[in-house]
Amino acid sequence: GISFYTTVLQKMQHLNDEAQMTRTTERVARRGSGSHPVRRGR
């Protein structure tokens, strides 16, 4: 049980890190694709 819960926590932390990285990538992509047209046009 103890080693199982430790593995679960590690796995959930890894999934959380991947989710944050995915959200960051999407924000950068939206920014580059025209989410700030005024700044990009300047």
Full PDB file with SEQRES, HELIX, SHEET, SSBOND, CRYST1, ORIGX, SCALE, CONECT and MASTER records, all heavy atoms in Angstrom:
SEQRES   1 A   42  GLY ILE SER PHE TYR THR THR VAL LEU GLN LYS MET GLN          
SEQRES   2 A   42  HIS LEU ASN ASP GLU ALA GLN MET THR ARG THR THR GLU          
SEQRES   3 A   42  ARG VAL ALA ARG ARG GLY SER GLY SER HIS PRO VAL ARG          
SEQRES   4 A   42  ARG GLY ARG                                                  
HELIX    1 AA1 ILE A    2  ARG A   30  1                                  29    
HELIX    2 AA2 ARG A   31  SER A   35  3                                   5    
HELIX    3 AA3 PRO A   37  GLY A   41  1                                   5    
CRYST1    1.000    1.000    1.000  90.00  90.00  90.00 P 1           1          
ORIGX1      1.000000  0.000000  0.000000        0.00000                         
ORIGX2      0.000000  1.000000  0.000000        0.00000                         
ORIGX3      0.000000  0.000000  1.000000        0.00000                         
SCALE1      1.000000  0.000000  0.000000        0.00000                         
SCALE2      0.000000  1.000000  0.000000        0.00000                         
SCALE3      0.000000  0.000000  1.000000        0.00000                         
ATOM      1  N   GLY A   1       0.802  -1.223   0.000  1.00  0.00           N  
ATOM      2  CA  GLY A   1       0.000   0.000   0.000  1.00  0.00           C  
ATOM      3  C   GLY A   1       0.821   1.251   0.000  1.00  0.00           C  
ATOM      4  O   GLY A   1       0.553   2.186  -0.739  1.00  0.00           O  
ATOM      5  N   ILE A   2       1.870   1.296   0.859  1.00  0.00           N  
ATOM      6  CA  ILE A   2       2.682   2.524   0.955  1.00  0.00           C  
ATOM      7  C   ILE A   2       3.395   2.807  -0.358  1.00  0.00           C  
ATOM      8  O   ILE A   2       3.346   3.916  -0.884  1.00  0.00           O  
ATOM      9  CB  ILE A   2       3.675   2.406   2.113  1.00  0.00           C  
ATOM     10  CG1 ILE A   2       2.924   2.274   3.436  1.00  0.00           C  
ATOM     11  CG2 ILE A   2       4.600   3.606   2.144  1.00  0.00           C  
ATOM     12  CD1 ILE A   2       3.836   2.057   4.637  1.00  0.00           C  
ATOM     13  N   SER A   3       4.068   1.787  -0.887  1.00  0.00           N  
ATOM     14  CA  SER A   3       4.766   2.005  -2.171  1.00  0.00           C  
ATOM     15  C   SER A   3       3.781   2.326  -3.282  1.00  0.00           C  
ATOM     16  O   SER A   3       4.067   3.087  -4.199  1.00  0.00           O  
ATOM     17  CB  SER A   3       5.569   0.752  -2.535  1.00  0.00           C  
ATOM     18  OG  SER A   3       4.703  -0.371  -2.676  1.00  0.00           O  
ATOM     19  N   PHE A   4       2.561   1.762  -3.186  1.00  0.00           N  
ATOM     20  CA  PHE A   4       1.553   2.053  -4.192  1.00  0.00           C  
ATOM     21  C   PHE A   4       1.154   3.519  -4.168  1.00  0.00           C  
ATOM     22  O   PHE A   4       1.098   4.179  -5.200  1.00  0.00           O  
ATOM     23  CB  PHE A   4       0.335   1.160  -3.958  1.00  0.00           C  
ATOM     24  CG  PHE A   4      -0.820   1.515  -4.849  1.00  0.00           C  
ATOM     25  CD1 PHE A   4      -0.827   1.148  -6.192  1.00  0.00           C  
ATOM     26  CD2 PHE A   4      -1.900   2.231  -4.339  1.00  0.00           C  
ATOM     27  CE1 PHE A   4      -1.903   1.482  -6.990  1.00  0.00           C  
ATOM     28  CE2 PHE A   4      -2.962   2.558  -5.154  1.00  0.00           C  
ATOM     29  CZ  PHE A   4      -2.958   2.174  -6.480  1.00  0.00           C  
ATOM     30  N   TYR A   5       0.874   4.062  -2.959  1.00  0.00           N  
ATOM     31  CA  TYR A   5       0.498   5.476  -2.846  1.00  0.00           C  
ATOM     32  C   TYR A   5       1.629   6.382  -3.302  1.00  0.00           C  
ATOM     33  O   TYR A   5       1.405   7.433  -3.921  1.00  0.00           O  
ATOM     34  CB  TYR A   5       0.082   5.801  -1.408  1.00  0.00           C  
ATOM     35  CG  TYR A   5      -1.286   5.266  -1.047  1.00  0.00           C  
ATOM     36  CD1 TYR A   5      -1.452   4.337  -0.020  1.00  0.00           C  
ATOM     37  CD2 TYR A   5      -2.414   5.704  -1.742  1.00  0.00           C  
ATOM     38  CE1 TYR A   5      -2.701   3.840   0.301  1.00  0.00           C  
ATOM     39  CE2 TYR A   5      -3.673   5.212  -1.413  1.00  0.00           C  
ATOM     40  CZ  TYR A   5      -3.810   4.275  -0.398  1.00  0.00           C  
ATOM     41  OH  TYR A   5      -5.046   3.788  -0.090  1.00  0.00           O  
ATOM     42  N   THR A   6       2.877   6.007  -3.005  1.00  0.00           N  
ATOM     43  CA  THR A   6       4.022   6.819  -3.466  1.00  0.00           C  
ATOM     44  C   THR A   6       4.073   6.853  -4.992  1.00  0.00           C  
ATOM     45  O   THR A   6       4.287   7.905  -5.606  1.00  0.00           O  
ATOM     46  CB  THR A   6       5.330   6.231  -2.906  1.00  0.00           C  
ATOM     47  OG1 THR A   6       5.256   6.191  -1.499  1.00  0.00           O  
ATOM     48  CG2 THR A   6       6.518   7.085  -3.346  1.00  0.00           C  
ATOM     49  N   THR A   7       3.845   5.713  -5.588  1.00  0.00           N  
ATOM     50  CA  THR A   7       3.854   5.654  -7.059  1.00  0.00           C  
ATOM     51  C   THR A   7       2.725   6.481  -7.655  1.00  0.00           C  
ATOM     52  O   THR A   7       2.887   7.171  -8.666  1.00  0.00           O  
ATOM     53  CB  THR A   7       3.725   4.203  -7.515  1.00  0.00           C  
ATOM     54  OG1 THR A   7       4.751   3.431  -6.909  1.00  0.00           O  
ATOM     55  CG2 THR A   7       3.839   4.092  -9.032  1.00  0.00           C  
ATOM     56  N   VAL A   8       1.534   6.418  -6.995  1.00  0.00           N  
ATOM     57  CA  VAL A   8       0.408   7.214  -7.469  1.00  0.00           C  
ATOM     58  C   VAL A   8       0.713   8.695  -7.418  1.00  0.00           C  
ATOM     59  O   VAL A   8       0.435   9.458  -8.355  1.00  0.00           O  
ATOM     60  CB  VAL A   8      -0.858   6.884  -6.645  1.00  0.00           C  
ATOM     61  CG1 VAL A   8      -1.972   7.887  -6.962  1.00  0.00           C  
ATOM     62  CG2 VAL A   8      -1.345   5.473  -6.950  1.00  0.00           C  
ATOM     63  N   LEU A   9       1.289   9.145  -6.304  1.00  0.00           N  
ATOM     64  CA  LEU A   9       1.632  10.567  -6.178  1.00  0.00           C  
ATOM     65  C   LEU A   9       2.640  10.999  -7.242  1.00  0.00           C  
ATOM     66  O   LEU A   9       2.529  12.079  -7.833  1.00  0.00           O  
ATOM     67  CB  LEU A   9       2.172  10.844  -4.770  1.00  0.00           C  
ATOM     68  CG  LEU A   9       1.151  10.729  -3.625  1.00  0.00           C  
ATOM     69  CD1 LEU A   9       1.839  10.900  -2.272  1.00  0.00           C  
ATOM     70  CD2 LEU A   9       0.054  11.775  -3.787  1.00  0.00           C  
ATOM     71  N   GLN A  10       3.644  10.168  -7.481  1.00  0.00           N  
ATOM     72  CA  GLN A  10       4.644  10.499  -8.503  1.00  0.00           C  
ATOM     73  C   GLN A  10       4.010  10.570  -9.891  1.00  0.00           C  
ATOM     74  O   GLN A  10       4.314  11.459 -10.686  1.00  0.00           O  
ATOM     75  CB  GLN A  10       5.758   9.463  -8.488  1.00  0.00           C  
ATOM     76  CG  GLN A  10       6.624   9.504  -7.221  1.00  0.00           C  
ATOM     77  CD  GLN A  10       7.655   8.390  -7.204  1.00  0.00           C  
ATOM     78  OE1 GLN A  10       7.617   7.484  -8.035  1.00  0.00           O  
ATOM     79  NE2 GLN A  10       8.577   8.471  -6.238  1.00  0.00           N  
ATOM     80  N   LYS A  11       3.123   9.605 -10.150  1.00  0.00           N  
ATOM     81  CA  LYS A  11       2.466   9.590 -11.459  1.00  0.00           C  
ATOM     82  C   LYS A  11       1.580  10.811 -11.643  1.00  0.00           C  
ATOM     83  O   LYS A  11       1.569  11.444 -12.713  1.00  0.00           O  
ATOM     84  CB  LYS A  11       1.624   8.319 -11.572  1.00  0.00           C  
ATOM     85  CG  LYS A  11       1.055   8.075 -12.981  1.00  0.00           C  
ATOM     86  CD  LYS A  11       2.162   7.690 -13.935  1.00  0.00           C  
ATOM     87  CE  LYS A  11       1.600   7.296 -15.282  1.00  0.00           C  
ATOM     88  NZ  LYS A  11       2.638   6.896 -16.237  1.00  0.00           N  
ATOM     89  N   MET A  12       0.841  11.195 -10.576  1.00  0.00           N  
ATOM     90  CA  MET A  12      -0.020  12.371 -10.674  1.00  0.00           C  
ATOM     91  C   MET A  12       0.802  13.635 -10.833  1.00  0.00           C  
ATOM     92  O   MET A  12       0.414  14.551 -11.565  1.00  0.00           O  
ATOM     93  CB  MET A  12      -0.920  12.450  -9.426  1.00  0.00           C  
ATOM     94  CG  MET A  12      -1.942  11.318  -9.342  1.00  0.00           C  
ATOM     95  SD  MET A  12      -2.972  11.411  -7.874  1.00  0.00           S  
ATOM     96  CE  MET A  12      -3.898  12.904  -8.211  1.00  0.00           C  
ATOM     97  N   GLN A  13       1.960  13.720 -10.173  1.00  0.00           N  
ATOM     98  CA  GLN A  13       2.818  14.902 -10.323  1.00  0.00           C  
ATOM     99  C   GLN A  13       3.339  15.009 -11.759  1.00  0.00           C  
ATOM    100  O   GLN A  13       3.406  16.083 -12.341  1.00  0.00           O  
ATOM    101  CB  GLN A  13       3.993  14.814  -9.336  1.00  0.00           C  
ATOM    102  CG  GLN A  13       4.943  16.011  -9.381  1.00  0.00           C  
ATOM    103  CD  GLN A  13       4.259  17.281  -8.937  1.00  0.00           C  
ATOM    104  OE1 GLN A  13       3.406  17.258  -8.047  1.00  0.00           O  
ATOM    105  NE2 GLN A  13       4.617  18.401  -9.568  1.00  0.00           N  
ATOM    106  N   HIS A  14       3.690  13.841 -12.320  1.00  0.00           N  
ATOM    107  CA  HIS A  14       4.172  13.827 -13.702  1.00  0.00           C  
ATOM    108  C   HIS A  14       3.084  14.283 -14.671  1.00  0.00           C  
ATOM    109  O   HIS A  14       3.343  15.085 -15.591  1.00  0.00           O  
ATOM    110  CB  HIS A  14       4.646  12.414 -14.049  1.00  0.00           C  
ATOM    111  CG  HIS A  14       5.091  12.272 -15.477  1.00  0.00           C  
ATOM    112  ND1 HIS A  14       6.249  12.858 -15.952  1.00  0.00           N  
ATOM    113  CD2 HIS A  14       4.531  11.616 -16.538  1.00  0.00           C  
ATOM    114  CE1 HIS A  14       6.385  12.572 -17.233  1.00  0.00           C  
ATOM    115  NE2 HIS A  14       5.351  11.815 -17.610  1.00  0.00           N  
ATOM    116  N   LEU A  15       1.858  13.810 -14.453  1.00  0.00           N  
ATOM    117  CA  LEU A  15       0.746  14.233 -15.310  1.00  0.00           C  
ATOM    118  C   LEU A  15       0.459  15.710 -15.152  1.00  0.00           C  
ATOM    119  O   LEU A  15       0.129  16.408 -16.116  1.00  0.00           O  
ATOM    120  CB  LEU A  15      -0.500  13.408 -14.983  1.00  0.00           C  
ATOM    121  CG  LEU A  15      -0.431  11.913 -15.317  1.00  0.00           C  
ATOM    122  CD1 LEU A  15      -1.695  11.211 -14.828  1.00  0.00           C  
ATOM    123  CD2 LEU A  15      -0.263  11.719 -16.812  1.00  0.00           C  
ATOM    124  N   ASN A  16       0.585  16.221 -13.933  1.00  0.00           N  
ATOM    125  CA  ASN A  16       0.365  17.648 -13.690  1.00  0.00           C  
ATOM    126  C   ASN A  16       1.407  18.495 -14.420  1.00  0.00           C  
ATOM    127  O   ASN A  16       1.084  19.534 -15.002  1.00  0.00           O  
ATOM    128  CB  ASN A  16       0.381  17.919 -12.190  1.00  0.00           C  
ATOM    129  CG  ASN A  16       0.060  19.373 -11.869  1.00  0.00           C  
ATOM    130  OD1 ASN A  16      -0.913  19.914 -12.391  1.00  0.00           O  
ATOM    131  ND2 ASN A  16       0.861  19.995 -11.024  1.00  0.00           N  
ATOM    132  N   ASP A  17       2.678  18.037 -14.359  1.00  0.00           N  
ATOM    133  CA  ASP A  17       3.737  18.769 -15.079  1.00  0.00           C  
ATOM    134  C   ASP A  17       3.465  18.783 -16.578  1.00  0.00           C  
ATOM    135  O   ASP A  17       3.657  19.804 -17.261  1.00  0.00           O  
ATOM    136  CB  ASP A  17       5.092  18.120 -14.792  1.00  0.00           C  
ATOM    137  CG  ASP A  17       5.517  18.288 -13.338  1.00  0.00           C  
ATOM    138  OD1 ASP A  17       4.960  19.184 -12.670  1.00  0.00           O  
ATOM    139  OD2 ASP A  17       6.399  17.526 -12.886  1.00  0.00           O  
ATOM    140  N   GLU A  18       3.030  17.626 -17.118  1.00  0.00           N  
ATOM    141  CA  GLU A  18       2.728  17.583 -18.550  1.00  0.00           C  
ATOM    142  C   GLU A  18       1.574  18.506 -18.904  1.00  0.00           C  
ATOM    143  O   GLU A  18       1.587  19.171 -19.941  1.00  0.00           O  
ATOM    144  CB  GLU A  18       2.385  16.146 -18.956  1.00  0.00           C  
ATOM    145  CG  GLU A  18       3.577  15.210 -18.994  1.00  0.00           C  
ATOM    146  CD  GLU A  18       3.194  13.845 -19.511  1.00  0.00           C  
ATOM    147  OE1 GLU A  18       1.972  13.585 -19.617  1.00  0.00           O  
ATOM    148  OE2 GLU A  18       4.099  13.045 -19.816  1.00  0.00           O  
ATOM    149  N   ALA A  19       0.577  18.592 -18.029  1.00  0.00           N  
ATOM    150  CA  ALA A  19      -0.568  19.466 -18.285  1.00  0.00           C  
ATOM    151  C   ALA A  19      -0.144  20.928 -18.280  1.00  0.00           C  
ATOM    152  O   ALA A  19      -0.583  21.722 -19.130  1.00  0.00           O  
ATOM    153  CB  ALA A  19      -1.655  19.219 -17.241  1.00  0.00           C  
ATOM    154  N   GLN A  20       0.722  21.313 -17.323  1.00  0.00           N  
ATOM    155  CA  GLN A  20       1.204  22.696 -17.287  1.00  0.00           C  
ATOM    156  C   GLN A  20       2.013  23.036 -18.536  1.00  0.00           C  
ATOM    157  O   GLN A  20       1.889  24.131 -19.099  1.00  0.00           O  
ATOM    158  CB  GLN A  20       2.038  22.908 -16.023  1.00  0.00           C  
ATOM    159  CG  GLN A  20       1.237  22.911 -14.734  1.00  0.00           C  
ATOM    160  CD  GLN A  20       2.104  23.185 -13.528  1.00  0.00           C  
ATOM    161  OE1 GLN A  20       3.322  23.267 -13.641  1.00  0.00           O  
ATOM    162  NE2 GLN A  20       1.463  23.329 -12.374  1.00  0.00           N  
ATOM    163  N   MET A  21       2.842  22.080 -18.957  1.00  0.00           N  
ATOM    164  CA  MET A  21       3.646  22.327 -20.166  1.00  0.00           C  
ATOM    165  C   MET A  21       2.753  22.479 -21.392  1.00  0.00           C  
ATOM    166  O   MET A  21       2.992  23.343 -22.261  1.00  0.00           O  
ATOM    167  CB  MET A  21       4.620  21.165 -20.368  1.00  0.00           C  
ATOM    168  CG  MET A  21       5.602  21.368 -21.535  1.00  0.00           C  
ATOM    169  SD  MET A  21       6.783  20.024 -21.676  1.00  0.00           S  
ATOM    170  CE  MET A  21       7.642  20.226 -20.114  1.00  0.00           C  
ATOM    171  N   THR A  22       1.707  21.662 -21.459  1.00  0.00           N  
ATOM    172  CA  THR A  22       0.777  21.761 -22.585  1.00  0.00           C  
ATOM    173  C   THR A  22       0.066  23.108 -22.602  1.00  0.00           C  
ATOM    174  O   THR A  22      -0.081  23.741 -23.653  1.00  0.00           O  
ATOM    175  CB  THR A  22      -0.249  20.629 -22.521  1.00  0.00           C  
ATOM    176  OG1 THR A  22       0.434  19.374 -22.532  1.00  0.00           O  
ATOM    177  CG2 THR A  22      -1.210  20.698 -23.699  1.00  0.00           C  
ATOM    178  N   ARG A  23      -0.381  23.575 -21.414  1.00  0.00           N  
ATOM    179  CA  ARG A  23      -1.044  24.880 -21.349  1.00  0.00           C  
ATOM    180  C   ARG A  23      -0.094  26.014 -21.726  1.00  0.00           C  
ATOM    181  O   ARG A  23      -0.486  26.960 -22.423  1.00  0.00           O  
ATOM    182  CB  ARG A  23      -1.603  25.103 -19.934  1.00  0.00           C  
ATOM    183  CG  ARG A  23      -2.815  24.234 -19.613  1.00  0.00           C  
ATOM    184  CD  ARG A  23      -3.512  24.739 -18.353  1.00  0.00           C  
ATOM    185  NE  ARG A  23      -2.639  24.602 -17.185  1.00  0.00           N  
ATOM    186  CZ  ARG A  23      -2.612  23.503 -16.405  1.00  0.00           C  
ATOM    187  NH1 ARG A  23      -3.387  22.462 -16.690  1.00  0.00           N  
ATOM    188  NH2 ARG A  23      -1.818  23.462 -15.347  1.00  0.00           N  
ATOM    189  N   THR A  24       1.168  25.921 -21.296  1.00  0.00           N  
ATOM    190  CA  THR A  24       2.151  26.956 -21.653  1.00  0.00           C  
ATOM    191  C   THR A  24       2.375  26.991 -23.168  1.00  0.00           C  
ATOM    192  O   THR A  24       2.437  28.060 -23.785  1.00  0.00           O  
ATOM    193  CB  THR A  24       3.481  26.697 -20.927  1.00  0.00           C  
ATOM    194  OG1 THR A  24       3.243  26.654 -19.522  1.00  0.00           O  
ATOM    195  CG2 THR A  24       4.495  27.771 -21.260  1.00  0.00           C  
ATOM    196  N   THR A  25       2.509  25.801 -23.759  1.00  0.00           N  
ATOM    197  CA  THR A  25       2.708  25.732 -25.213  1.00  0.00           C  
ATOM    198  C   THR A  25       1.524  26.321 -25.961  1.00  0.00           C  
ATOM    199  O   THR A  25       1.683  27.036 -26.959  1.00  0.00           O  
ATOM    200  CB  THR A  25       2.931  24.274 -25.634  1.00  0.00           C  
ATOM    201  OG1 THR A  25       4.029  23.729 -24.891  1.00  0.00           O  
ATOM    202  CG2 THR A  25       3.219  24.174 -27.118  1.00  0.00           C  
ATOM    203  N   GLU A  26       0.312  26.028 -25.490  1.00  0.00           N  
ATOM    204  CA  GLU A  26      -0.873  26.573 -26.148  1.00  0.00           C  
ATOM    205  C   GLU A  26      -0.933  28.082 -26.033  1.00  0.00           C  
ATOM    206  O   GLU A  26      -1.320  28.770 -26.984  1.00  0.00           O  
ATOM    207  CB  GLU A  26      -2.123  25.943 -25.534  1.00  0.00           C  
ATOM    208  CG  GLU A  26      -2.278  24.460 -25.868  1.00  0.00           C  
ATOM    209  CD  GLU A  26      -3.474  23.855 -25.164  1.00  0.00           C  
ATOM    210  OE1 GLU A  26      -4.068  24.558 -24.316  1.00  0.00           O  
ATOM    211  OE2 GLU A  26      -3.813  22.687 -25.464  1.00  0.00           O  
ATOM    212  N   ARG A  27      -0.524  28.630 -24.870  1.00  0.00           N  
ATOM    213  CA  ARG A  27      -0.531  30.096 -24.723  1.00  0.00           C  
ATOM    214  C   ARG A  27       0.464  30.753 -25.674  1.00  0.00           C  
ATOM    215  O   ARG A  27       0.181  31.778 -26.299  1.00  0.00           O  
ATOM    216  CB  ARG A  27      -0.200  30.467 -23.272  1.00  0.00           C  
ATOM    217  CG  ARG A  27      -1.343  30.244 -22.294  1.00  0.00           C  
ATOM    218  CD  ARG A  27      -1.114  31.025 -21.007  1.00  0.00           C  
ATOM    219  NE  ARG A  27       0.131  30.606 -20.362  1.00  0.00           N  
ATOM    220  CZ  ARG A  27       0.218  29.666 -19.435  1.00  0.00           C  
ATOM    221  NH1 ARG A  27      -0.896  29.001 -19.064  1.00  0.00           N  
ATOM    222  NH2 ARG A  27       1.354  29.343 -18.885  1.00  0.00           N  
ATOM    223  N   VAL A  28       1.662  30.147 -25.780  1.00  0.00           N  
ATOM    224  CA  VAL A  28       2.669  30.693 -26.701  1.00  0.00           C  
ATOM    225  C   VAL A  28       2.176  30.628 -28.140  1.00  0.00           C  
ATOM    226  O   VAL A  28       2.346  31.561 -28.928  1.00  0.00           O  
ATOM    227  CB  VAL A  28       4.007  29.927 -26.543  1.00  0.00           C  
ATOM    228  CG1 VAL A  28       4.988  30.355 -27.624  1.00  0.00           C  
ATOM    229  CG2 VAL A  28       4.584  30.181 -25.161  1.00  0.00           C  
ATOM    230  N   ALA A  29       1.530  29.497 -28.481  1.00  0.00           N  
ATOM    231  CA  ALA A  29       1.023  29.358 -29.843  1.00  0.00           C  
ATOM    232  C   ALA A  29      -0.060  30.379 -30.141  1.00  0.00           C  
ATOM    233  O   ALA A  29      -0.101  30.980 -31.225  1.00  0.00           O  
ATOM    234  CB  ALA A  29       0.484  27.938 -30.039  1.00  0.00           C  
ATOM    235  N   ARG A  30      -0.987  30.576 -29.151  1.00  0.00           N  
ATOM    236  CA  ARG A  30      -2.036  31.581 -29.361  1.00  0.00           C  
ATOM    237  C   ARG A  30      -1.444  32.981 -29.480  1.00  0.00           C  
ATOM    238  O   ARG A  30      -1.884  33.792 -30.280  1.00  0.00           O  
ATOM    239  CB  ARG A  30      -3.033  31.521 -28.203  1.00  0.00           C  
ATOM    240  CG  ARG A  30      -3.949  30.304 -28.234  1.00  0.00           C  
ATOM    241  CD  ARG A  30      -5.133  30.526 -27.307  1.00  0.00           C  
ATOM    242  NE  ARG A  30      -4.707  30.764 -25.933  1.00  0.00           N  
ATOM    243  CZ  ARG A  30      -4.531  29.798 -25.029  1.00  0.00           C  
ATOM    244  NH1 ARG A  30      -4.734  28.525 -25.369  1.00  0.00           N  
ATOM    245  NH2 ARG A  30      -4.159  30.099 -23.801  1.00  0.00           N  
ATOM    246  N   ARG A  31      -0.400  33.255 -28.691  1.00  0.00           N  
ATOM    247  CA  ARG A  31       0.242  34.582 -28.743  1.00  0.00           C  
ATOM    248  C   ARG A  31       0.901  34.804 -30.094  1.00  0.00           C  
ATOM    249  O   ARG A  31       0.849  35.879 -30.671  1.00  0.00           O  
ATOM    250  CB  ARG A  31       1.279  34.678 -27.630  1.00  0.00           C  
ATOM    251  CG  ARG A  31       1.892  36.063 -27.471  1.00  0.00           C  
ATOM    252  CD  ARG A  31       2.841  36.070 -26.287  1.00  0.00           C  
ATOM    253  NE  ARG A  31       2.144  35.663 -25.075  1.00  0.00           N  
ATOM    254  CZ  ARG A  31       2.766  35.418 -23.922  1.00  0.00           C  
ATOM    255  NH1 ARG A  31       4.082  35.496 -23.844  1.00  0.00           N  
ATOM    256  NH2 ARG A  31       2.067  35.067 -22.857  1.00  0.00           N  
ATOM    257  N   GLY A  32       1.556  33.736 -30.613  1.00  0.00           N  
ATOM    258  CA  GLY A  32       2.214  33.879 -31.913  1.00  0.00           C  
ATOM    259  C   GLY A  32       1.249  33.897 -33.065  1.00  0.00           C  
ATOM    260  O   GLY A  32       1.560  34.380 -34.143  1.00  0.00           O  
ATOM    261  N   SER A  33       0.052  33.340 -32.876  1.00  0.00           N  
ATOM    262  CA  SER A  33      -0.909  33.267 -33.978  1.00  0.00           C  
ATOM    263  C   SER A  33      -1.837  34.460 -34.039  1.00  0.00           C  
ATOM    264  O   SER A  33      -2.776  34.479 -34.798  1.00  0.00           O  
ATOM    265  CB  SER A  33      -1.750  31.994 -33.841  1.00  0.00           C  
ATOM    266  OG  SER A  33      -2.489  32.021 -32.623  1.00  0.00           O  
ATOM    267  N   GLY A  34      -1.563  35.466 -33.212  1.00  0.00           N  
ATOM    268  CA  GLY A  34      -2.356  36.680 -33.347  1.00  0.00           C  
ATOM    269  C   GLY A  34      -3.211  36.999 -32.161  1.00  0.00           C  
ATOM    270  O   GLY A  34      -4.168  37.746 -32.296  1.00  0.00           O  
ATOM    271  N   SER A  35      -2.903  36.438 -30.982  1.00  0.00           N  
ATOM    272  CA  SER A  35      -3.706  36.798 -29.819  1.00  0.00           C  
ATOM    273  C   SER A  35      -3.441  38.233 -29.391  1.00  0.00           C  
ATOM    274  O   SER A  35      -4.236  38.828 -28.694  1.00  0.00           O  
ATOM    275  CB  SER A  35      -3.396  35.840 -28.655  1.00  0.00           C  
ATOM    276  OG  SER A  35      -2.024  35.906 -28.322  1.00  0.00           O  
ATOM    277  N   HIS A  36      -2.264  38.785 -29.859  1.00  0.00           N  
ATOM    278  CA  HIS A  36      -1.960  40.201 -29.596  1.00  0.00           C  
ATOM    279  C   HIS A  36      -1.658  40.879 -30.928  1.00  0.00           C  
ATOM    280  O   HIS A  36      -0.506  41.164 -31.253  1.00  0.00           O  
ATOM    281  CB  HIS A  36      -0.760  40.329 -28.651  1.00  0.00           C  
ATOM    282  CG  HIS A  36      -0.997  39.686 -27.307  1.00  0.00           C  
ATOM    283  ND1 HIS A  36      -1.786  40.259 -26.345  1.00  0.00           N  
ATOM    284  CD2 HIS A  36      -0.559  38.505 -26.811  1.00  0.00           C  
ATOM    285  CE1 HIS A  36      -1.814  39.467 -25.265  1.00  0.00           C  
ATOM    286  NE2 HIS A  36      -1.075  38.391 -25.536  1.00  0.00           N  
ATOM    287  N   PRO A  37      -2.663  41.135 -31.743  1.00  0.00           N  
ATOM    288  CA  PRO A  37      -2.425  41.661 -33.095  1.00  0.00           C  
ATOM    289  C   PRO A  37      -1.778  43.039 -33.095  1.00  0.00           C  
ATOM    290  O   PRO A  37      -1.017  43.365 -33.992  1.00  0.00           O  
ATOM    291  CB  PRO A  37      -3.828  41.695 -33.701  1.00  0.00           C  
ATOM    292  CG  PRO A  37      -4.759  41.749 -32.523  1.00  0.00           C  
ATOM    293  CD  PRO A  37      -4.089  40.963 -31.449  1.00  0.00           C  
ATOM    294  N   VAL A  38      -2.048  43.845 -32.081  1.00  0.00           N  
ATOM    295  CA  VAL A  38      -1.482  45.196 -32.055  1.00  0.00           C  
ATOM    296  C   VAL A  38       0.026  45.141 -31.898  1.00  0.00           C  
ATOM    297  O   VAL A  38       0.787  45.779 -32.630  1.00  0.00           O  
ATOM    298  CB  VAL A  38      -2.127  46.020 -30.912  1.00  0.00           C  
ATOM    299  CG1 VAL A  38      -1.473  47.387 -30.824  1.00  0.00           C  
ATOM    300  CG2 VAL A  38      -3.629  46.142 -31.142  1.00  0.00           C  
ATOM    301  N   ARG A  39       0.462  44.309 -30.928  1.00  0.00           N  
ATOM    302  CA  ARG A  39       1.901  44.198 -30.689  1.00  0.00           C  
ATOM    303  C   ARG A  39       2.608  43.566 -31.877  1.00  0.00           C  
ATOM    304  O   ARG A  39       3.680  44.014 -32.293  1.00  0.00           O  
ATOM    305  CB  ARG A  39       2.128  43.370 -29.438  1.00  0.00           C  
ATOM    306  CG  ARG A  39       3.597  43.256 -29.048  1.00  0.00           C  
ATOM    307  CD  ARG A  39       3.747  42.467 -27.772  1.00  0.00           C  
ATOM    308  NE  ARG A  39       5.134  42.340 -27.398  1.00  0.00           N  
ATOM    309  CZ  ARG A  39       5.566  41.624 -26.360  1.00  0.00           C  
ATOM    310  NH1 ARG A  39       4.674  40.985 -25.598  1.00  0.00           N  
ATOM    311  NH2 ARG A  39       6.854  41.551 -26.086  1.00  0.00           N  
ATOM    312  N   ARG A  40       1.985  42.503 -32.428  1.00  0.00           N  
ATOM    313  CA  ARG A  40       2.601  41.844 -33.567  1.00  0.00           C  
ATOM    314  C   ARG A  40       2.682  42.778 -34.772  1.00  0.00           C  
ATOM    315  O   ARG A  40       3.694  42.837 -35.470  1.00  0.00           O  
ATOM    316  CB  ARG A  40       1.791  40.606 -33.929  1.00  0.00           C  
ATOM    317  CG  ARG A  40       2.416  39.776 -35.044  1.00  0.00           C  
ATOM    318  CD  ARG A  40       1.516  38.641 -35.427  1.00  0.00           C  
ATOM    319  NE  ARG A  40       2.080  37.877 -36.525  1.00  0.00           N  
ATOM    320  CZ  ARG A  40       1.431  36.968 -37.207  1.00  0.00           C  
ATOM    321  NH1 ARG A  40       0.161  36.721 -36.896  1.00  0.00           N  
ATOM    322  NH2 ARG A  40       1.994  36.301 -38.180  1.00  0.00           N  
ATOM    323  N   GLY A  41       1.636  43.519 -35.057  1.00  0.00           N  
ATOM    324  CA  GLY A  41       1.652  44.457 -36.167  1.00  0.00           C  
ATOM    325  C   GLY A  41       2.702  45.541 -35.998  1.00  0.00           C  
ATOM    326  O   GLY A  41       3.349  45.950 -36.959  1.00  0.00           O  
ATOM    327  N   ARG A  42       2.892  45.995 -34.758  1.00  0.00           N  
ATOM    328  CA  ARG A  42       3.917  47.022 -34.489  1.00  0.00           C  
ATOM    329  C   ARG A  42       5.311  46.484 -34.770  1.00  0.00           C  
ATOM    330  O   ARG A  42       6.149  47.165 -35.386  1.00  0.00           O  
ATOM    331  CB  ARG A  42       3.804  47.485 -33.044  1.00  0.00           C  
ATOM    332  CG  ARG A  42       4.788  48.583 -32.663  1.00  0.00           C  
ATOM    333  CD  ARG A  42       4.463  49.147 -31.288  1.00  0.00           C  
ATOM    334  NE  ARG A  42       5.438  50.130 -30.870  1.00  0.00           N  
ATOM    335  CZ  ARG A  42       6.543  49.845 -30.181  1.00  0.00           C  
ATOM    336  NH1 ARG A  42       6.784  48.577 -29.837  1.00  0.00           N  
ATOM    337  NH2 ARG A  42       7.396  50.793 -29.845  1.00  0.00           N  
TER     338      ARG A  42                                                      
MASTER        0    0    0    3    0    0    0    6  337    1    0    4          
END                                                                             
